[in-house]
């Protein structure tokens, strides 16, 4: 049975990924810092409380994964939204808190997954970036910077590990329905002096398909990219967003 690890996999996009890989026949490992969300996961998943930015915790996790037989797919999905404010109001502590999870966390799991996958002569590493990682994101500078950096990390990982039979790609979600984006909408509405519905409709207006996406859309892409059907797909930046044409519409 192939094995997959999804960081921040107990809710939102990560949870949808875990469910999709479970349905596809994978043994699922999930990490999160939300203990309540982890407790709601199915009993057949291997769930661990792990801080994505803590190297000691990541190293211990991978010791367990190695002892259990290794890893076939890594979904480096952990990230936090960071502050919503003009750059002059962003504190260095808030900047570092966002990039620690969103960028450092992606680096750490890739670092520890690489030796296991090299030894196996195969593997797939999927990074969750964002459309903010190719367009920028007004009032969200730490988040946008981290998501841009994740793409650079992915490209480099694809180059380094490709000779060992390991593929790497970045999935870029657009506006994804769910509690996390509701918090983003609330913060953006306050920062822009708009209503929640105006910001919500603005996101939809900014894409060609005039709609939001669902977490399962991201999960379906992850399962495909991990499959043999994508065996020659590596180093790619793949948006699942309905085609963003205006990343900051004012509606």
C-alpha atoms as a PDB file:
ATOM      1  CA  UNK A   1       0.000   0.000   0.000  1.00  0.00           C
ATOM      2  CA  UNK A   2       1.493   3.400  -0.959  1.00  0.00           C
ATOM      3  CA  UNK A   3       1.984   5.928   1.843  1.00  0.00           C
ATOM      4  CA  UNK A   4       1.194   9.628   1.831  1.00  0.00           C
ATOM      5  CA  UNK A   5       1.936  12.339   4.393  1.00  0.00           C
ATOM      6  CA  UNK A   6      -0.196  15.493   4.421  1.00  0.00           C
ATOM      7  CA  UNK A   7       0.846  18.351   6.683  1.00  0.00           C
ATOM      8  CA  UNK A   8      -2.016  20.435   8.102  1.00  0.00           C
ATOM      9  CA  UNK A   9      -4.180  17.533   7.000  1.00  0.00           C
ATOM     10  CA  UNK A  10      -6.883  17.554   9.648  1.00  0.00           C
ATOM     11  CA  UNK A  11      -9.059  20.275   8.110  1.00  0.00           C
ATOM     12  CA  UNK A  12      -9.607  22.346   4.982  1.00  0.00           C
ATOM     13  CA  UNK A  13      -7.601  21.548   1.859  1.00  0.00           C
ATOM     14  CA  UNK A  14      -5.375  19.119   3.760  1.00  0.00           C
ATOM     15  CA  UNK A  15      -8.355  17.160   5.037  1.00  0.00           C
ATOM     16  CA  UNK A  16      -9.782  16.938   1.524  1.00  0.00           C
ATOM     17  CA  UNK A  17      -6.407  15.675   0.288  1.00  0.00           C
ATOM     18  CA  UNK A  18      -6.262  13.055   3.021  1.00  0.00           C
ATOM     19  CA  UNK A  19      -9.770  11.845   2.212  1.00  0.00           C
ATOM     20  CA  UNK A  20      -8.984  11.662  -1.501  1.00  0.00           C
ATOM     21  CA  UNK A  21      -5.753   9.709  -0.985  1.00  0.00           C
ATOM     22  CA  UNK A  22      -7.533   7.399   1.455  1.00  0.00           C
ATOM     23  CA  UNK A  23     -10.192   6.718  -1.178  1.00  0.00           C
ATOM     24  CA  UNK A  24      -7.410   6.040  -3.714  1.00  0.00           C
ATOM     25  CA  UNK A  25      -5.983   3.292  -1.518  1.00  0.00           C
ATOM     26  CA  UNK A  26      -3.143   5.069   0.274  1.00  0.00           C
ATOM     27  CA  UNK A  27      -2.027   4.654   3.855  1.00  0.00           C
ATOM     28  CA  UNK A  28      -2.561   8.175   5.176  1.00  0.00           C
ATOM     29  CA  UNK A  29      -0.343  10.036   7.617  1.00  0.00           C
ATOM     30  CA  UNK A  30      -1.639  13.409   8.810  1.00  0.00           C
ATOM     31  CA  UNK A  31      -0.035  16.111  10.922  1.00  0.00           C
ATOM     32  CA  UNK A  32      -1.663  19.190  12.409  1.00  0.00           C
ATOM     33  CA  UNK A  33      -1.504  21.478  15.423  1.00  0.00           C
ATOM     34  CA  UNK A  34      -5.286  21.341  15.906  1.00  0.00           C
ATOM     35  CA  UNK A  35      -5.822  18.450  18.318  1.00  0.00           C
ATOM     36  CA  UNK A  36      -9.613  18.631  18.074  1.00  0.00           C
ATOM     37  CA  UNK A  37      -9.491  18.362  14.284  1.00  0.00           C
ATOM     38  CA  UNK A  38      -7.060  15.443  14.518  1.00  0.00           C
ATOM     39  CA  UNK A  39      -9.403  13.613  16.870  1.00  0.00           C
ATOM     40  CA  UNK A  40     -12.145  13.842  14.238  1.00  0.00           C
ATOM     41  CA  UNK A  41     -10.028  12.038  11.623  1.00  0.00           C
ATOM     42  CA  UNK A  42     -10.844   8.449  10.644  1.00  0.00           C
ATOM     43  CA  UNK A  43      -9.320   5.759  12.829  1.00  0.00           C
ATOM     44  CA  UNK A  44      -7.290   4.250  10.005  1.00  0.00           C
ATOM     45  CA  UNK A  45      -5.253   7.441   9.504  1.00  0.00           C
ATOM     46  CA  UNK A  46      -1.961   7.865  11.341  1.00  0.00           C
ATOM     47  CA  UNK A  47      -2.401  11.236  13.002  1.00  0.00           C
ATOM     48  CA  UNK A  48       0.280  13.227  14.798  1.00  0.00           C
ATOM     49  CA  UNK A  49       0.355  16.609  16.542  1.00  0.00           C
ATOM     50  CA  UNK A  50       3.281  18.319  14.827  1.00  0.00           C
ATOM     51  CA  UNK A  51       4.283  21.965  14.499  1.00  0.00           C
ATOM     52  CA  UNK A  52       5.307  22.350  10.841  1.00  0.00           C
ATOM     53  CA  UNK A  53       7.986  24.902  11.790  1.00  0.00           C
ATOM     54  CA  UNK A  54       9.620  22.777  14.510  1.00  0.00           C
ATOM     55  CA  UNK A  55      12.549  20.786  13.096  1.00  0.00           C
ATOM     56  CA  UNK A  56      12.823  18.488  16.110  1.00  0.00           C
ATOM     57  CA  UNK A  57       9.194  17.479  15.770  1.00  0.00           C
ATOM     58  CA  UNK A  58       9.566  16.992  12.009  1.00  0.00           C
ATOM     59  CA  UNK A  59      12.674  14.828  12.473  1.00  0.00           C
ATOM     60  CA  UNK A  60      10.864  12.653  15.016  1.00  0.00           C
ATOM     61  CA  UNK A  61       7.902  12.295  12.674  1.00  0.00           C
ATOM     62  CA  UNK A  62      10.115  11.116   9.839  1.00  0.00           C
ATOM     63  CA  UNK A  63      11.898   8.653  12.091  1.00  0.00           C
ATOM     64  CA  UNK A  64       8.495   7.071  12.626  1.00  0.00           C
ATOM     65  CA  UNK A  65       7.678   7.148   8.917  1.00  0.00           C
ATOM     66  CA  UNK A  66      11.004   5.524   8.067  1.00  0.00           C
ATOM     67  CA  UNK A  67      10.404   2.829  10.662  1.00  0.00           C
ATOM     68  CA  UNK A  68       6.979   2.138   9.195  1.00  0.00           C
ATOM     69  CA  UNK A  69       8.319   1.518   5.705  1.00  0.00           C
ATOM     70  CA  UNK A  70       8.996   4.922   4.136  1.00  0.00           C
ATOM     71  CA  UNK A  71       7.017   7.419   2.116  1.00  0.00           C
ATOM     72  CA  UNK A  72       5.714   7.557  -1.448  1.00  0.00           C
ATOM     73  CA  UNK A  73       3.988  10.945  -1.536  1.00  0.00           C
ATOM     74  CA  UNK A  74       4.496  14.108   0.502  1.00  0.00           C
ATOM     75  CA  UNK A  75       1.926  16.898   0.465  1.00  0.00           C
ATOM     76  CA  UNK A  76       3.678  19.925   1.997  1.00  0.00           C
ATOM     77  CA  UNK A  77       0.427  21.707   2.687  1.00  0.00           C
ATOM     78  CA  UNK A  78       0.891  23.552   6.000  1.00  0.00           C
ATOM     79  CA  UNK A  79       0.524  27.317   5.896  1.00  0.00           C
ATOM     80  CA  UNK A  80      -1.004  30.237   7.768  1.00  0.00           C
ATOM     81  CA  UNK A  81      -2.654  33.343   6.391  1.00  0.00           C
ATOM     82  CA  UNK A  82      -0.501  35.802   8.310  1.00  0.00           C
ATOM     83  CA  UNK A  83      -1.509  39.401   8.996  1.00  0.00           C
ATOM     84  CA  UNK A  84      -3.842  41.424   6.787  1.00  0.00           C
ATOM     85  CA  UNK A  85      -2.363  44.919   6.739  1.00  0.00           C
ATOM     86  CA  UNK A  86      -0.366  47.342   4.587  1.00  0.00           C
ATOM     87  CA  UNK A  87       3.321  46.477   4.595  1.00  0.00           C
ATOM     88  CA  UNK A  88       4.222  49.440   6.793  1.00  0.00           C
ATOM     89  CA  UNK A  89       1.974  48.015   9.528  1.00  0.00           C
ATOM     90  CA  UNK A  90       3.318  44.441   9.383  1.00  0.00           C
ATOM     91  CA  UNK A  91       5.597  43.640  12.304  1.00  0.00           C
ATOM     92  CA  UNK A  92       8.710  41.541  11.852  1.00  0.00           C
ATOM     93  CA  UNK A  93       7.346  39.039  14.369  1.00  0.00           C
ATOM     94  CA  UNK A  94       4.144  38.623  12.327  1.00  0.00           C
ATOM     95  CA  UNK A  95       6.201  38.278   9.134  1.00  0.00           C
ATOM     96  CA  UNK A  96       8.360  35.565  10.687  1.00  0.00           C
ATOM     97  CA  UNK A  97       5.392  33.712  12.185  1.00  0.00           C
ATOM     98  CA  UNK A  98       3.799  33.446   8.745  1.00  0.00           C
ATOM     99  CA  UNK A  99       6.924  32.483   6.825  1.00  0.00           C
ATOM    100  CA  UNK A 100       8.021  30.007   9.525  1.00  0.00           C
ATOM    101  CA  UNK A 101       5.037  27.758   8.901  1.00  0.00           C
ATOM    102  CA  UNK A 102       4.356  28.489   5.240  1.00  0.00           C
ATOM    103  CA  UNK A 103       7.922  28.415   3.906  1.00  0.00           C
ATOM    104  CA  UNK A 104      10.173  26.898   6.574  1.00  0.00           C
ATOM    105  CA  UNK A 105       7.608  24.164   7.146  1.00  0.00           C
ATOM    106  CA  UNK A 106       7.642  23.228   3.455  1.00  0.00           C
ATOM    107  CA  UNK A 107      11.440  23.179   3.443  1.00  0.00           C
ATOM    108  CA  UNK A 108      11.648  20.964   6.522  1.00  0.00           C
ATOM    109  CA  UNK A 109       9.346  18.202   5.302  1.00  0.00           C
ATOM    110  CA  UNK A 110      11.012  18.185   1.883  1.00  0.00           C
ATOM    111  CA  UNK A 111      14.430  17.975   3.574  1.00  0.00           C
ATOM    112  CA  UNK A 112      13.442  14.930   5.610  1.00  0.00           C
ATOM    113  CA  UNK A 113      11.427  13.231   2.874  1.00  0.00           C
ATOM    114  CA  UNK A 114      14.272  13.418   0.326  1.00  0.00           C
ATOM    115  CA  UNK A 115      16.525  10.728   1.863  1.00  0.00           C
ATOM    116  CA  UNK A 116      13.643   8.271   2.200  1.00  0.00           C
ATOM    117  CA  UNK A 117      12.554   8.808  -1.399  1.00  0.00           C
ATOM    118  CA  UNK A 118      16.129   8.667  -2.716  1.00  0.00           C
ATOM    119  CA  UNK A 119      16.600   5.312  -0.998  1.00  0.00           C
ATOM    120  CA  UNK A 120      13.406   4.045  -2.633  1.00  0.00           C
ATOM    121  CA  UNK A 121      14.335   5.432  -6.043  1.00  0.00           C
ATOM    122  CA  UNK A 122      10.954   7.083  -6.439  1.00  0.00           C
ATOM    123  CA  UNK A 123       8.557   9.541  -4.840  1.00  0.00           C
ATOM    124  CA  UNK A 124       6.347  12.580  -5.298  1.00  0.00           C
ATOM    125  CA  UNK A 125       6.557  15.872  -3.408  1.00  0.00           C
ATOM    126  CA  UNK A 126       3.630  18.254  -3.812  1.00  0.00           C
ATOM    127  CA  UNK A 127       3.794  21.777  -2.436  1.00  0.00           C
ATOM    128  CA  UNK A 128       0.672  23.813  -1.755  1.00  0.00           C
ATOM    129  CA  UNK A 129       1.423  27.323  -2.985  1.00  0.00           C
ATOM    130  CA  UNK A 130      -1.304  29.810  -3.974  1.00  0.00           C
ATOM    131  CA  UNK A 131      -2.306  32.101  -6.796  1.00  0.00           C
ATOM    132  CA  UNK A 132      -0.774  34.696  -4.466  1.00  0.00           C
ATOM    133  CA  UNK A 133       2.499  32.994  -5.342  1.00  0.00           C
ATOM    134  CA  UNK A 134       2.341  34.215  -8.936  1.00  0.00           C
ATOM    135  CA  UNK A 135       0.390  37.479  -8.652  1.00  0.00           C
ATOM    136  CA  UNK A 136       1.088  38.939  -5.235  1.00  0.00           C
ATOM    137  CA  UNK A 137      -1.575  39.807  -2.692  1.00  0.00           C
ATOM    138  CA  UNK A 138      -2.215  43.371  -1.472  1.00  0.00           C
ATOM    139  CA  UNK A 139      -2.227  43.671   2.332  1.00  0.00           C
ATOM    140  CA  UNK A 140      -0.870  40.106   2.647  1.00  0.00           C
ATOM    141  CA  UNK A 141       2.856  40.607   2.009  1.00  0.00           C
ATOM    142  CA  UNK A 142       4.221  37.817   4.277  1.00  0.00           C
ATOM    143  CA  UNK A 143       1.822  35.249   2.838  1.00  0.00           C
ATOM    144  CA  UNK A 144       2.468  36.226  -0.779  1.00  0.00           C
ATOM    145  CA  UNK A 145       6.238  36.264  -0.278  1.00  0.00           C
ATOM    146  CA  UNK A 146       6.180  32.816   1.339  1.00  0.00           C
ATOM    147  CA  UNK A 147       4.006  31.348  -1.409  1.00  0.00           C
ATOM    148  CA  UNK A 148       6.298  32.773  -4.125  1.00  0.00           C
ATOM    149  CA  UNK A 149       9.248  31.227  -2.302  1.00  0.00           C
ATOM    150  CA  UNK A 150       7.500  27.852  -2.133  1.00  0.00           C
ATOM    151  CA  UNK A 151       7.461  27.808  -5.938  1.00  0.00           C
ATOM    152  CA  UNK A 152      11.203  28.476  -6.058  1.00  0.00           C
ATOM    153  CA  UNK A 153      11.711  25.703  -3.521  1.00  0.00           C
ATOM    154  CA  UNK A 154       9.620  23.302  -5.606  1.00  0.00           C
ATOM    155  CA  UNK A 155      11.530  24.089  -8.807  1.00  0.00           C
ATOM    156  CA  UNK A 156      14.824  23.469  -7.044  1.00  0.00           C
ATOM    157  CA  UNK A 157      13.624  20.240  -5.444  1.00  0.00           C
ATOM    158  CA  UNK A 158      12.426  19.014  -8.855  1.00  0.00           C
ATOM    159  CA  UNK A 159      15.893  19.687 -10.295  1.00  0.00           C
ATOM    160  CA  UNK A 160      17.808  18.116  -7.419  1.00  0.00           C
ATOM    161  CA  UNK A 161      15.675  15.013  -6.991  1.00  0.00           C
ATOM    162  CA  UNK A 162      14.580  14.325 -10.570  1.00  0.00           C
ATOM    163  CA  UNK A 163      17.656  12.140 -11.269  1.00  0.00           C
ATOM    164  CA  UNK A 164      16.538   9.894  -8.389  1.00  0.00           C
ATOM    165  CA  UNK A 165      13.087   9.280  -9.868  1.00  0.00           C
ATOM    166  CA  UNK A 166      11.402  11.835  -7.629  1.00  0.00           C
ATOM    167  CA  UNK A 167       8.900  14.310  -9.031  1.00  0.00           C
ATOM    168  CA  UNK A 168       7.862  17.626  -7.509  1.00  0.00           C
ATOM    169  CA  UNK A 169       5.094  20.068  -8.418  1.00  0.00           C
ATOM    170  CA  UNK A 170       3.279  23.025  -6.876  1.00  0.00           C
ATOM    171  CA  UNK A 171      -0.500  23.272  -6.696  1.00  0.00           C
ATOM    172  CA  UNK A 172      -1.877  26.808  -6.555  1.00  0.00           C
ATOM    173  CA  UNK A 173      -5.355  27.022  -5.058  1.00  0.00           C
ATOM    174  CA  UNK A 174      -7.410  30.080  -5.827  1.00  0.00           C
ATOM    175  CA  UNK A 175     -10.228  31.193  -3.543  1.00  0.00           C
ATOM    176  CA  UNK A 176     -11.343  28.005  -1.789  1.00  0.00           C
ATOM    177  CA  UNK A 177     -14.711  27.828  -0.040  1.00  0.00           C
ATOM    178  CA  UNK A 178     -14.436  27.083   3.684  1.00  0.00           C
ATOM    179  CA  UNK A 179     -13.880  28.421   7.205  1.00  0.00           C
ATOM    180  CA  UNK A 180     -10.286  29.482   6.530  1.00  0.00           C
ATOM    181  CA  UNK A 181     -11.281  31.785   3.683  1.00  0.00           C
ATOM    182  CA  UNK A 182     -14.166  33.137   5.721  1.00  0.00           C
ATOM    183  CA  UNK A 183     -11.557  34.422   8.171  1.00  0.00           C
ATOM    184  CA  UNK A 184      -9.621  35.912   5.259  1.00  0.00           C
ATOM    185  CA  UNK A 185     -12.785  37.583   3.944  1.00  0.00           C
ATOM    186  CA  UNK A 186     -13.507  39.118   7.320  1.00  0.00           C
ATOM    187  CA  UNK A 187      -9.979  40.507   7.645  1.00  0.00           C
ATOM    188  CA  UNK A 188      -9.894  41.818   4.055  1.00  0.00           C
ATOM    189  CA  UNK A 189     -13.303  43.457   4.375  1.00  0.00           C
ATOM    190  CA  UNK A 190     -12.089  45.328   7.447  1.00  0.00           C
ATOM    191  CA  UNK A 191      -8.813  46.355   5.798  1.00  0.00           C
ATOM    192  CA  UNK A 192     -10.513  47.556   2.595  1.00  0.00           C
ATOM    193  CA  UNK A 193     -13.596  49.140   4.160  1.00  0.00           C
ATOM    194  CA  UNK A 194     -15.858  46.720   2.264  1.00  0.00           C
ATOM    195  CA  UNK A 195     -18.501  44.189   3.253  1.00  0.00           C
ATOM    196  CA  UNK A 196     -17.769  40.488   3.392  1.00  0.00           C
ATOM    197  CA  UNK A 197     -20.039  39.873   0.393  1.00  0.00           C
ATOM    198  CA  UNK A 198     -18.296  42.553  -1.662  1.00  0.00           C
ATOM    199  CA  UNK A 199     -14.927  40.888  -1.074  1.00  0.00           C
ATOM    200  CA  UNK A 200     -16.396  37.429  -1.751  1.00  0.00           C
ATOM    201  CA  UNK A 201     -17.955  38.566  -5.033  1.00  0.00           C
ATOM    202  CA  UNK A 202     -14.711  40.311  -5.949  1.00  0.00           C
ATOM    203  CA  UNK A 203     -12.808  37.050  -5.766  1.00  0.00           C
ATOM    204  CA  UNK A 204     -15.326  35.397  -8.095  1.00  0.00           C
ATOM    205  CA  UNK A 205     -15.267  38.370 -10.467  1.00  0.00           C
ATOM    206  CA  UNK A 206     -11.488  38.103 -10.727  1.00  0.00           C
ATOM    207  CA  UNK A 207     -11.500  34.669 -12.379  1.00  0.00           C
ATOM    208  CA  UNK A 208     -12.607  33.663 -15.859  1.00  0.00           C
ATOM    209  CA  UNK A 209     -15.020  31.021 -14.557  1.00  0.00           C
ATOM    210  CA  UNK A 210     -16.609  33.553 -12.146  1.00  0.00           C
ATOM    211  CA  UNK A 211     -16.641  31.104  -9.272  1.00  0.00           C
ATOM    212  CA  UNK A 212     -14.781  29.942  -6.195  1.00  0.00           C
ATOM    213  CA  UNK A 213     -13.248  26.476  -6.019  1.00  0.00           C
ATOM    214  CA  UNK A 214     -13.740  23.696  -3.481  1.00  0.00           C
ATOM    215  CA  UNK A 215     -11.160  21.851  -1.426  1.00  0.00           C
ATOM    216  CA  UNK A 216     -11.947  18.640  -3.306  1.00  0.00           C
ATOM    217  CA  UNK A 217     -10.809  20.313  -6.541  1.00  0.00           C
ATOM    218  CA  UNK A 218      -7.351  20.728  -5.023  1.00  0.00           C
ATOM    219  CA  UNK A 219      -7.421  17.202  -3.619  1.00  0.00           C
ATOM    220  CA  UNK A 220      -8.317  15.696  -6.994  1.00  0.00           C
ATOM    221  CA  UNK A 221      -5.329  17.449  -8.562  1.00  0.00           C
ATOM    222  CA  UNK A 222      -3.023  16.166  -5.830  1.00  0.00           C
ATOM    223  CA  UNK A 223      -4.119  12.560  -6.355  1.00  0.00           C
ATOM    224  CA  UNK A 224      -3.665  12.914 -10.112  1.00  0.00           C
ATOM    225  CA  UNK A 225      -0.176  14.409  -9.765  1.00  0.00           C
ATOM    226  CA  UNK A 226       0.787  11.523  -7.490  1.00  0.00           C
ATOM    227  CA  UNK A 227      -0.497   8.950  -9.962  1.00  0.00           C
ATOM    228  CA  UNK A 228       1.231   7.158 -12.800  1.00  0.00           C
ATOM    229  CA  UNK A 229      -0.877   9.253 -15.156  1.00  0.00           C
ATOM    230  CA  UNK A 230       1.378  12.190 -14.234  1.00  0.00           C
ATOM    231  CA  UNK A 231       4.630  10.192 -14.299  1.00  0.00           C
ATOM    232  CA  UNK A 232       6.370  12.759 -16.535  1.00  0.00           C
ATOM    233  CA  UNK A 233       4.905  15.844 -14.863  1.00  0.00           C
ATOM    234  CA  UNK A 234       7.499  17.539 -12.674  1.00  0.00           C
ATOM    235  CA  UNK A 235       8.660  21.049 -11.866  1.00  0.00           C
ATOM    236  CA  UNK A 236       5.273  22.472 -12.787  1.00  0.00           C
ATOM    237  CA  UNK A 237       3.218  25.300 -11.292  1.00  0.00           C
ATOM    238  CA  UNK A 238      -0.416  24.224 -11.597  1.00  0.00           C
ATOM    239  CA  UNK A 239      -3.214  26.601 -10.614  1.00  0.00           C
ATOM    240  CA  UNK A 240      -6.609  25.228  -9.624  1.00  0.00           C
ATOM    241  CA  UNK A 241      -8.444  28.521  -9.467  1.00  0.00           C
ATOM    242  CA  UNK A 242     -10.881  28.930 -12.357  1.00  0.00           C
ATOM    243  CA  UNK A 243      -8.205  31.047 -14.120  1.00  0.00           C
ATOM    244  CA  UNK A 244      -7.322  34.196 -12.226  1.00  0.00           C
ATOM    245  CA  UNK A 245      -7.298  37.301 -14.437  1.00  0.00           C
ATOM    246  CA  UNK A 246      -7.455  39.977 -11.737  1.00  0.00           C
ATOM    247  CA  UNK A 247      -6.002  39.059  -8.339  1.00  0.00           C
ATOM    248  CA  UNK A 248      -7.354  42.167  -6.592  1.00  0.00           C
ATOM    249  CA  UNK A 249     -10.744  43.174  -8.023  1.00  0.00           C
ATOM    250  CA  UNK A 250     -12.604  45.914  -6.188  1.00  0.00           C
ATOM    251  CA  UNK A 251     -16.297  44.999  -6.376  1.00  0.00           C
END
